[in-house]
Amino acid sequence: MTDTVLDRFLRYVVIDTQSDPTSKSQPTTEKQKVLGRLLVEELLAMGIADAHLDDHGYVYATIPANTDKTVPTICFCSHMDTAPDFSGTGVKPQIVRNYLGGDIALPGDASRVIRTAEHPALAHQIGNDIVTTDGTTLLGADDKAGVAEIMTAADILMTDKTIRHGVIKILFTPDEEVGRGVDKVDLKKLGAAFAYTMDGETTGHIEDESFSADGVEISITGVAIHPGFAKDRMENAIKIAAAILDRLPKDIAPETTSGKQGFIHPVSVTGSMEKARIELIVRDFDEEGLVAKEALLRQIVADVLAGFPGSTAGFEVKNQYRNMKVVLDRHPEIMDNALEAVRRAGMEPVRGSIRGGTDGSRLSFMGLPCPNIFAGGHAFHSPLEWVSRQDMEKAVATIVELAKVWEERA
């Protein structure tokens, strides 16, 4: 293995791959292809002959089987883009070697401190090498840690011929952070039966359950008139929007929920006196809960509009993704093999749920069942993001062991 997972990670995070939710193109930013082209070069150098980047920004590659057994083709997937929530330009990774505990001050911004009180996972990192940013950008461990882990595992599988495995597919996607990660993926070309995203957090954790998710857009048309002649006639669309937002239940919000509780979350408000628009996301682990929350939203809109007889409102629901557990429960071997791989890599596996979604959520409903495996990163989408070298190495070991488990159990 010429490059360690840390070598690769440090090389990838300095490439700006931030996606853009306002863009209509695929990928949403051309700079994501810069990393894609580098990954293809490295895969080809490993001897993976079919590695390529397509026009939509996806990287495909195949590690050939080296066994006579008929083994289901599995895929490992990670996304190349970083979140638009915080700048990903000019990332300057810092390494805290042999972490001895305590808060970690970030040198580029004195106000940024990774505090143990806010990051309890640091307690499990004593003696490890921790990678952070300098505090002025996000790090990109979400999901370049996953990319580096898959690339390192691919190098091991291509180099060590004593590790028996079936066909292994690799897929790197753009635009996951803006909800378009698998919009243009070619599953027929990929040719996998099952897949795993390397996009989780704490070591040993595997998620086979995600939120079900919808987007809701409420469009409001008020009654516009000159303010000097507005008495008993004007119905201000901005104020109608504000009234709707004010009635959202405080106990069904991201900031007041946890575990298996869903939420209603406004993400954008725009408008003028005549027209306004509210964009929200609705999340729940159960389809019934999702429907109930959307019915509640509709009722709130109707109740508010009753006080504005000259105004109207549109209500549009867009399916975003669904709980992948519905699909994964039909294929128990996917999780059984993953749990065994984590054990063989020296960890106690933890089966859990994601308060969000990954590419795997949508891939599962597109016909490629796909749970989520830890990649080791923490504090995603923020300048306090961090990951340890040792946790990334455990993820690499898990990938290699998973390839072996599928071959052994075929």
Protein backbone atom coordinates (compact mmCIF):
# COMPACT_ATOMS: atom_id res chain seq x y z
CA MET A 1 0.00 0.00 0.00
CA THR A 2 1.87 3.05 -1.24
CA ASP A 3 -0.54 5.60 0.21
CA THR A 4 -2.17 5.40 3.63
CA VAL A 5 -5.78 6.42 4.12
CA LEU A 6 -4.49 9.57 5.81
CA ASP A 7 -2.30 10.39 2.81
CA ARG A 8 -5.28 10.12 0.51
CA PHE A 9 -7.62 12.04 2.80
CA LEU A 10 -5.23 14.97 3.10
CA ARG A 11 -4.84 15.02 -0.68
CA TYR A 12 -8.57 15.03 -1.34
CA VAL A 13 -9.78 17.58 1.23
CA VAL A 14 -7.76 20.44 -0.24
CA ILE A 15 -9.75 20.12 -3.49
CA ASP A 16 -12.83 22.34 -3.33
CA THR A 17 -15.85 20.21 -4.29
CA GLN A 18 -18.68 22.21 -2.75
CA SER A 19 -22.02 21.59 -4.45
CA ASP A 20 -24.52 24.35 -5.27
CA PRO A 21 -28.25 23.95 -4.54
CA THR A 22 -29.14 26.85 -6.87
CA SER A 23 -27.50 25.26 -9.92
CA LYS A 24 -29.61 23.35 -12.45
CA SER A 25 -26.67 21.44 -13.95
CA GLN A 26 -25.38 17.97 -13.08
CA PRO A 27 -22.99 18.09 -11.39
CA THR A 28 -24.03 21.38 -9.84
CA THR A 29 -20.40 22.55 -9.85
CA GLU A 30 -17.73 21.59 -12.37
CA LYS A 31 -15.05 21.66 -9.66
CA GLN A 32 -16.39 18.35 -8.33
CA LYS A 33 -14.99 16.76 -11.48
CA VAL A 34 -11.48 17.85 -10.46
CA LEU A 35 -11.55 15.33 -7.64
CA GLY A 36 -13.32 12.82 -9.86
CA ARG A 37 -10.54 12.97 -12.44
CA LEU A 38 -7.88 12.51 -9.75
CA LEU A 39 -9.69 9.47 -8.38
CA VAL A 40 -9.88 7.93 -11.84
CA GLU A 41 -6.14 8.47 -12.34
CA GLU A 42 -5.41 6.76 -9.04
CA LEU A 43 -7.77 3.86 -9.75
CA LEU A 44 -6.19 3.31 -13.16
CA ALA A 45 -2.75 3.34 -11.52
CA MET A 46 -3.94 0.54 -9.22
CA GLY A 47 -4.73 -1.54 -12.30
CA ILE A 48 -8.50 -1.02 -12.27
CA ALA A 49 -8.88 -0.80 -16.03
CA ASP A 50 -12.48 0.38 -16.39
CA ALA A 51 -12.29 3.37 -14.01
CA HIS A 52 -13.85 6.45 -15.60
CA LEU A 53 -15.64 9.73 -14.93
CA ASP A 54 -18.87 10.30 -16.85
CA ASP A 55 -20.37 13.58 -18.05
CA HIS A 56 -22.60 13.86 -14.98
CA GLY A 57 -19.67 13.69 -12.56
CA TYR A 58 -19.93 10.04 -11.44
CA VAL A 59 -16.86 7.84 -11.02
CA TYR A 60 -17.37 4.14 -11.82
CA ALA A 61 -14.82 1.36 -11.35
CA THR A 62 -14.67 -2.44 -11.01
CA ILE A 63 -12.33 -4.58 -8.92
CA PRO A 64 -12.41 -7.98 -10.67
CA ALA A 65 -13.22 -11.13 -8.71
CA ASN A 66 -10.38 -13.49 -7.77
CA THR A 67 -12.49 -16.45 -6.65
CA ASP A 68 -14.21 -19.32 -8.44
CA LYS A 69 -17.31 -18.91 -6.29
CA THR A 70 -20.41 -17.14 -7.56
CA VAL A 71 -20.50 -14.12 -5.25
CA PRO A 72 -23.11 -11.34 -5.41
CA THR A 73 -21.58 -8.17 -6.80
CA ILE A 74 -21.38 -5.52 -4.08
CA CYS A 75 -20.64 -1.82 -4.39
CA PHE A 76 -19.00 0.70 -2.08
CA CYS A 77 -20.19 4.26 -2.54
CA SER A 78 -19.24 7.71 -1.22
CA HIS A 79 -19.98 11.25 -2.33
CA MET A 80 -17.31 13.68 -3.48
CA ASP A 81 -19.08 16.96 -2.80
CA THR A 82 -19.03 18.97 0.40
CA ALA A 83 -21.95 20.84 1.91
CA PRO A 84 -22.89 24.40 0.90
CA ASP A 85 -23.52 25.22 4.59
CA PHE A 86 -19.96 26.48 5.14
CA SER A 87 -17.04 27.35 2.89
CA GLY A 88 -14.99 24.48 1.46
CA THR A 89 -12.52 26.75 -0.36
CA GLY A 90 -8.89 26.78 0.77
CA VAL A 91 -9.11 23.93 3.27
CA LYS A 92 -5.99 23.80 5.47
CA PRO A 93 -6.03 20.49 7.33
CA GLN A 94 -4.27 20.31 10.71
CA ILE A 95 -3.11 17.11 12.42
CA VAL A 96 -3.16 16.80 16.20
CA ARG A 97 -0.87 13.82 16.67
CA ASN A 98 -1.16 11.59 19.73
CA TYR A 99 -4.15 13.52 21.09
CA LEU A 100 -3.86 13.69 24.88
CA GLY A 101 -7.34 15.03 25.61
CA GLY A 102 -8.76 18.49 26.15
CA ASP A 103 -10.17 21.14 23.87
CA ILE A 104 -8.64 21.66 20.40
CA ALA A 105 -8.09 25.29 19.39
CA LEU A 106 -8.13 25.94 15.67
CA PRO A 107 -5.28 28.26 14.60
CA GLY A 108 -7.01 30.11 11.76
CA ASP A 109 -9.85 31.50 13.89
CA ALA A 110 -9.41 31.98 17.63
CA SER A 111 -13.19 31.78 18.15
CA ARG A 112 -13.29 28.22 16.83
CA VAL A 113 -12.59 25.58 19.47
CA ILE A 114 -13.50 21.89 19.36
CA ARG A 115 -14.59 21.52 22.98
CA THR A 116 -14.75 18.16 24.73
CA ALA A 117 -17.98 19.25 26.41
CA GLU A 118 -19.62 19.61 23.00
CA HIS A 119 -17.82 16.68 21.32
CA PRO A 120 -17.94 13.75 23.77
CA ALA A 121 -16.62 11.40 21.07
CA LEU A 122 -13.19 12.95 21.67
CA ALA A 123 -13.00 10.93 24.88
CA HIS A 124 -12.48 7.82 22.73
CA GLN A 125 -9.66 9.38 20.72
CA ILE A 126 -6.87 9.52 23.33
CA GLY A 127 -3.59 8.62 21.63
CA ASN A 128 -5.05 8.97 18.15
CA ASP A 129 -4.11 11.39 15.37
CA ILE A 130 -6.97 13.83 14.79
CA VAL A 131 -7.41 15.87 11.61
CA THR A 132 -9.20 19.21 11.82
CA THR A 133 -9.38 22.37 9.74
CA ASP A 134 -7.74 25.64 10.73
CA GLY A 135 -11.22 26.92 11.63
CA THR A 136 -11.89 28.99 8.52
CA THR A 137 -13.51 26.23 6.41
CA LEU A 138 -15.22 22.91 6.84
CA LEU A 139 -12.95 19.87 6.59
CA GLY A 140 -14.81 17.69 4.12
CA ALA A 141 -14.63 14.45 6.11
CA ASP A 142 -18.24 14.25 4.95
CA ASP A 143 -17.58 12.44 2.74
CA LYS A 144 -13.95 12.52 1.66
CA ALA A 145 -13.18 10.25 4.60
CA GLY A 146 -15.43 7.69 2.90
CA VAL A 147 -13.78 8.33 -0.46
CA ALA A 148 -10.29 7.88 1.00
CA GLU A 149 -11.35 4.69 2.79
CA ILE A 150 -12.80 3.10 -0.33
CA MET A 151 -9.74 4.09 -2.37
CA THR A 152 -7.38 2.63 0.23
CA ALA A 153 -9.38 -0.58 0.49
CA ALA A 154 -9.39 -0.85 -3.31
CA ASP A 155 -5.59 -0.59 -3.31
CA ILE A 156 -5.38 -3.38 -0.73
CA LEU A 157 -7.77 -5.65 -2.64
CA MET A 158 -5.91 -5.08 -5.92
CA THR A 159 -2.50 -5.68 -4.31
CA ASP A 160 -3.08 -8.56 -1.89
CA LYS A 161 -4.17 -11.53 -3.98
CA THR A 162 -4.57 -13.73 -0.89
CA ILE A 163 -7.78 -11.84 -0.04
CA ARG A 164 -10.52 -13.73 -1.84
CA HIS A 165 -13.49 -11.68 -3.02
CA GLY A 166 -16.14 -11.42 -5.69
CA VAL A 167 -16.62 -8.53 -8.08
CA ILE A 168 -16.45 -5.22 -6.20
CA LYS A 169 -17.92 -2.08 -7.73
CA ILE A 170 -16.91 1.45 -6.77
CA LEU A 171 -19.19 4.47 -7.17
CA PHE A 172 -18.33 8.06 -6.27
CA THR A 173 -21.20 10.52 -6.63
CA PRO A 174 -21.53 14.31 -6.92
CA ASP A 175 -24.20 16.53 -5.33
CA GLU A 176 -25.28 14.32 -2.42
CA GLU A 177 -25.29 17.33 -0.13
CA VAL A 178 -27.94 19.08 -2.25
CA GLY A 179 -30.15 15.99 -2.59
CA ARG A 180 -29.19 15.04 -6.14
CA GLY A 181 -26.50 12.45 -5.49
CA VAL A 182 -28.07 9.63 -7.49
CA ASP A 183 -30.21 11.59 -9.95
CA LYS A 184 -28.15 10.48 -12.96
CA VAL A 185 -26.51 7.29 -11.72
CA ASP A 186 -26.58 4.41 -14.22
CA LEU A 187 -27.42 1.35 -12.14
CA LYS A 188 -27.37 -0.94 -15.17
CA LYS A 189 -23.80 0.08 -15.94
CA LEU A 190 -22.87 -0.20 -12.26
CA GLY A 191 -24.14 -3.78 -12.23
CA ALA A 192 -24.22 -4.33 -8.46
CA ALA A 193 -26.72 -6.43 -6.51
CA PHE A 194 -26.14 -4.72 -3.16
CA ALA A 195 -24.24 -1.66 -1.97
CA TYR A 196 -22.90 0.15 1.07
CA THR A 197 -22.41 3.87 1.49
CA MET A 198 -19.39 4.85 3.58
CA ASP A 199 -20.97 8.00 4.94
CA GLY A 200 -21.67 7.45 8.62
CA GLU A 201 -20.08 8.84 11.76
CA THR A 202 -18.91 6.86 14.80
CA THR A 203 -16.77 3.75 14.38
CA GLY A 204 -18.65 0.48 14.49
CA HIS A 205 -21.97 2.06 13.61
CA ILE A 206 -24.07 0.80 10.70
CA GLU A 207 -27.39 2.40 9.80
CA ASP A 208 -30.15 0.50 8.04
CA GLU A 209 -32.88 3.04 8.76
CA SER A 210 -33.28 6.64 7.64
CA PHE A 211 -35.89 9.35 7.71
CA SER A 212 -38.57 9.42 5.09
CA ALA A 213 -38.41 12.89 3.62
CA ASP A 214 -40.57 15.33 1.67
CA GLY A 215 -40.15 18.93 0.65
CA VAL A 216 -43.11 21.28 0.94
CA GLU A 217 -43.54 24.58 -0.89
CA ILE A 218 -46.26 27.00 0.20
CA SER A 219 -46.91 29.80 -2.28
CA ILE A 220 -48.97 32.74 -1.09
CA THR A 221 -50.72 35.39 -3.18
CA GLY A 222 -51.91 38.35 -1.14
CA VAL A 223 -53.81 41.52 -2.04
CA ALA A 224 -51.42 44.29 -3.02
CA ILE A 225 -52.43 47.93 -2.94
CA HIS A 226 -50.80 51.27 -2.32
CA PRO A 227 -50.20 51.55 1.46
CA GLY A 228 -51.80 54.97 1.50
CA PHE A 229 -55.14 53.43 0.49
CA ALA A 230 -54.73 50.03 2.12
CA LYS A 231 -57.18 50.19 5.02
CA ASP A 232 -59.44 47.12 5.05
CA ARG A 233 -58.13 46.14 1.62
CA MET A 234 -54.44 45.12 1.77
CA GLU A 235 -53.52 41.53 2.60
CA ASN A 236 -49.72 41.46 2.88
CA ALA A 237 -48.27 38.13 1.67
CA ILE A 238 -45.20 38.57 3.87
CA LYS A 239 -47.35 38.86 6.97
CA ILE A 240 -49.41 35.84 5.93
CA ALA A 241 -46.18 33.84 5.60
CA ALA A 242 -45.06 35.08 9.01
CA ALA A 243 -48.38 34.01 10.56
CA ILE A 244 -48.00 30.51 9.09
CA LEU A 245 -44.46 30.21 10.43
CA ASP A 246 -45.53 31.48 13.84
CA ARG A 247 -48.06 28.65 14.12
CA LEU A 248 -45.55 25.86 13.44
CA PRO A 249 -45.48 23.62 16.54
CA LYS A 250 -42.40 24.34 18.65
CA ASP A 251 -42.11 20.69 19.71
CA ILE A 252 -41.96 19.36 16.11
CA ALA A 253 -38.77 21.15 15.07
CA PRO A 254 -35.17 19.96 14.56
CA GLU A 255 -34.03 21.91 17.60
CA THR A 256 -36.55 20.20 19.91
CA THR A 257 -36.52 16.60 18.63
CA SER A 258 -34.17 13.61 18.72
CA GLY A 259 -34.11 9.86 18.24
CA LYS A 260 -37.09 8.62 16.27
CA GLN A 261 -38.98 11.92 16.44
CA GLY A 262 -39.69 13.66 13.13
CA PHE A 263 -39.99 17.36 12.45
CA ILE A 264 -41.24 20.21 10.27
CA HIS A 265 -38.47 22.63 9.34
CA PRO A 266 -38.69 25.87 7.31
CA VAL A 267 -35.55 26.32 5.22
CA SER A 268 -36.37 29.36 3.08
CA VAL A 269 -38.74 32.35 3.09
CA THR A 270 -38.91 34.82 0.21
CA GLY A 271 -41.48 37.35 -0.88
CA SER A 272 -43.02 40.73 -1.35
CA MET A 273 -46.30 42.38 -0.38
CA GLU A 274 -48.10 40.55 -3.22
CA LYS A 275 -46.42 37.13 -3.28
CA ALA A 276 -44.45 35.07 -0.78
CA ARG A 277 -43.07 31.55 -0.68
CA ILE A 278 -42.13 29.27 2.20
CA GLU A 279 -39.99 26.17 1.61
CA LEU A 280 -39.96 23.49 4.29
CA ILE A 281 -38.66 19.99 4.78
CA VAL A 282 -40.72 17.36 6.59
CA ARG A 283 -39.11 14.30 8.16
CA ASP A 284 -40.38 11.17 9.91
CA PHE A 285 -39.28 7.55 10.17
CA ASP A 286 -42.82 6.34 9.39
CA GLU A 287 -44.86 7.13 6.30
CA GLU A 288 -47.89 7.71 8.48
CA GLY A 289 -46.01 10.28 10.53
CA LEU A 290 -44.91 12.07 7.37
CA VAL A 291 -48.48 12.25 6.09
CA ALA A 292 -49.74 13.47 9.47
CA LYS A 293 -47.21 16.30 9.59
CA GLU A 294 -48.11 17.42 6.08
CA ALA A 295 -51.82 17.35 7.00
CA LEU A 296 -50.99 19.52 10.01
CA LEU A 297 -49.19 21.99 7.75
CA ARG A 298 -52.16 22.13 5.39
CA GLN A 299 -54.48 22.85 8.29
CA ILE A 300 -52.23 25.64 9.57
CA VAL A 301 -52.26 27.25 6.12
CA ALA A 302 -56.05 26.94 5.88
CA ASP A 303 -56.55 28.41 9.34
CA VAL A 304 -54.31 31.39 8.61
CA LEU A 305 -55.87 32.03 5.18
CA ALA A 306 -59.32 32.10 6.77
CA GLY A 307 -58.33 35.47 8.19
CA PHE A 308 -57.32 36.77 4.76
CA PRO A 309 -60.36 36.20 2.51
CA GLY A 310 -58.84 37.86 -0.55
CA SER A 311 -55.65 35.79 -0.53
CA THR A 312 -54.84 32.32 -1.81
CA ALA A 313 -52.16 29.72 -1.11
CA GLY A 314 -50.71 26.82 -3.06
CA PHE A 315 -49.38 23.73 -1.31
CA GLU A 316 -46.97 21.42 -3.16
CA VAL A 317 -45.34 18.28 -1.74
CA LYS A 318 -42.23 16.78 -3.35
CA ASN A 319 -41.00 13.29 -2.47
CA GLN A 320 -37.31 13.46 -1.53
CA TYR A 321 -36.45 9.99 -0.18
CA ARG A 322 -37.93 7.19 1.92
CA ASN A 323 -36.81 5.08 4.87
CA MET A 324 -34.39 2.53 3.44
CA LYS A 325 -35.31 -0.02 6.13
CA VAL A 326 -38.41 -0.93 4.12
CA VAL A 327 -36.13 -2.33 1.40
CA LEU A 328 -33.23 -3.57 3.53
CA ASP A 329 -35.44 -5.77 5.71
CA ARG A 330 -36.13 -7.86 2.59
CA HIS A 331 -32.40 -8.68 2.33
CA PRO A 332 -31.15 -9.49 5.86
CA GLU A 333 -27.85 -10.86 4.56
CA ILE A 334 -26.73 -7.31 3.71
CA MET A 335 -26.72 -6.23 7.34
CA ASP A 336 -25.67 -9.63 8.70
CA ASN A 337 -22.51 -9.54 6.60
CA ALA A 338 -21.78 -5.93 7.53
CA LEU A 339 -22.14 -6.62 11.25
CA GLU A 340 -19.76 -9.57 10.93
CA ALA A 341 -17.24 -7.44 9.04
CA VAL A 342 -17.24 -4.82 11.81
CA ARG A 343 -16.59 -7.56 14.39
CA ARG A 344 -13.71 -8.94 12.36
CA ALA A 345 -12.27 -5.45 12.12
CA GLY A 346 -12.06 -5.39 15.92
CA MET A 347 -15.16 -3.42 16.91
CA GLU A 348 -18.49 -4.12 18.53
CA PRO A 349 -21.08 -3.30 15.86
CA VAL A 350 -23.87 -0.85 16.63
CA ARG A 351 -26.99 -0.97 14.47
CA GLY A 352 -28.82 2.33 14.26
CA SER A 353 -30.83 4.96 12.43
CA ILE A 354 -29.90 8.15 10.61
CA ARG A 355 -31.71 11.38 11.38
CA GLY A 356 -31.29 12.26 7.75
CA GLY A 357 -30.68 10.41 4.53
CA THR A 358 -27.79 9.27 2.38
CA ASP A 359 -27.40 8.26 -1.23
CA GLY A 360 -28.27 4.82 0.09
CA SER A 361 -31.80 5.90 0.98
CA ARG A 362 -32.62 6.65 -2.63
CA LEU A 363 -30.50 3.87 -4.12
CA SER A 364 -32.43 1.34 -2.04
CA PHE A 365 -35.72 2.41 -3.63
CA MET A 366 -34.12 2.51 -7.08
CA GLY A 367 -33.37 -1.20 -6.80
CA LEU A 368 -29.95 -1.21 -5.12
CA PRO A 369 -30.38 -2.02 -1.40
CA CYS A 370 -27.81 0.10 0.41
CA PRO A 371 -27.23 0.61 4.15
CA ASN A 372 -24.75 3.09 5.58
CA ILE A 373 -21.41 2.27 7.25
CA PHE A 374 -19.37 4.59 9.47
CA ALA A 375 -16.63 6.71 7.93
CA GLY A 376 -15.38 8.19 11.22
CA GLY A 377 -16.07 11.90 10.77
CA HIS A 378 -17.72 14.19 13.32
CA ALA A 379 -19.33 17.66 13.40
CA PHE A 380 -20.22 17.56 9.71
CA HIS A 381 -20.94 20.74 7.73
CA SER A 382 -19.04 22.96 10.15
CA PRO A 383 -15.58 24.45 10.74
CA LEU A 384 -15.35 22.19 13.81
CA GLU A 385 -15.43 19.03 11.68
CA TRP A 386 -12.85 16.39 12.60
CA VAL A 387 -11.83 12.78 11.98
CA SER A 388 -9.09 10.54 13.32
CA ARG A 389 -6.61 8.52 11.30
CA GLN A 390 -7.27 5.42 13.37
CA ASP A 391 -11.03 5.58 12.78
CA MET A 392 -10.49 5.85 9.03
CA GLU A 393 -8.20 2.83 9.21
CA LYS A 394 -10.95 0.89 10.99
CA ALA A 395 -13.32 1.78 8.15
CA VAL A 396 -10.77 0.51 5.60
CA ALA A 397 -10.48 -2.75 7.53
CA THR A 398 -14.28 -3.06 7.59
CA ILE A 399 -14.49 -2.71 3.80
CA VAL A 400 -11.83 -5.38 3.27
CA GLU A 401 -13.43 -7.75 5.77
CA LEU A 402 -16.84 -7.20 4.18
CA ALA A 403 -15.48 -8.24 0.79
CA LYS A 404 -14.10 -11.38 2.41
CA VAL A 405 -17.33 -12.20 4.28
CA TRP A 406 -19.42 -12.04 1.10
CA GLU A 407 -17.00 -14.44 -0.63
CA GLU A 408 -16.87 -16.87 2.29
CA ARG A 409 -20.65 -17.02 2.65
CA ALA A 410 -21.39 -17.38 -1.08
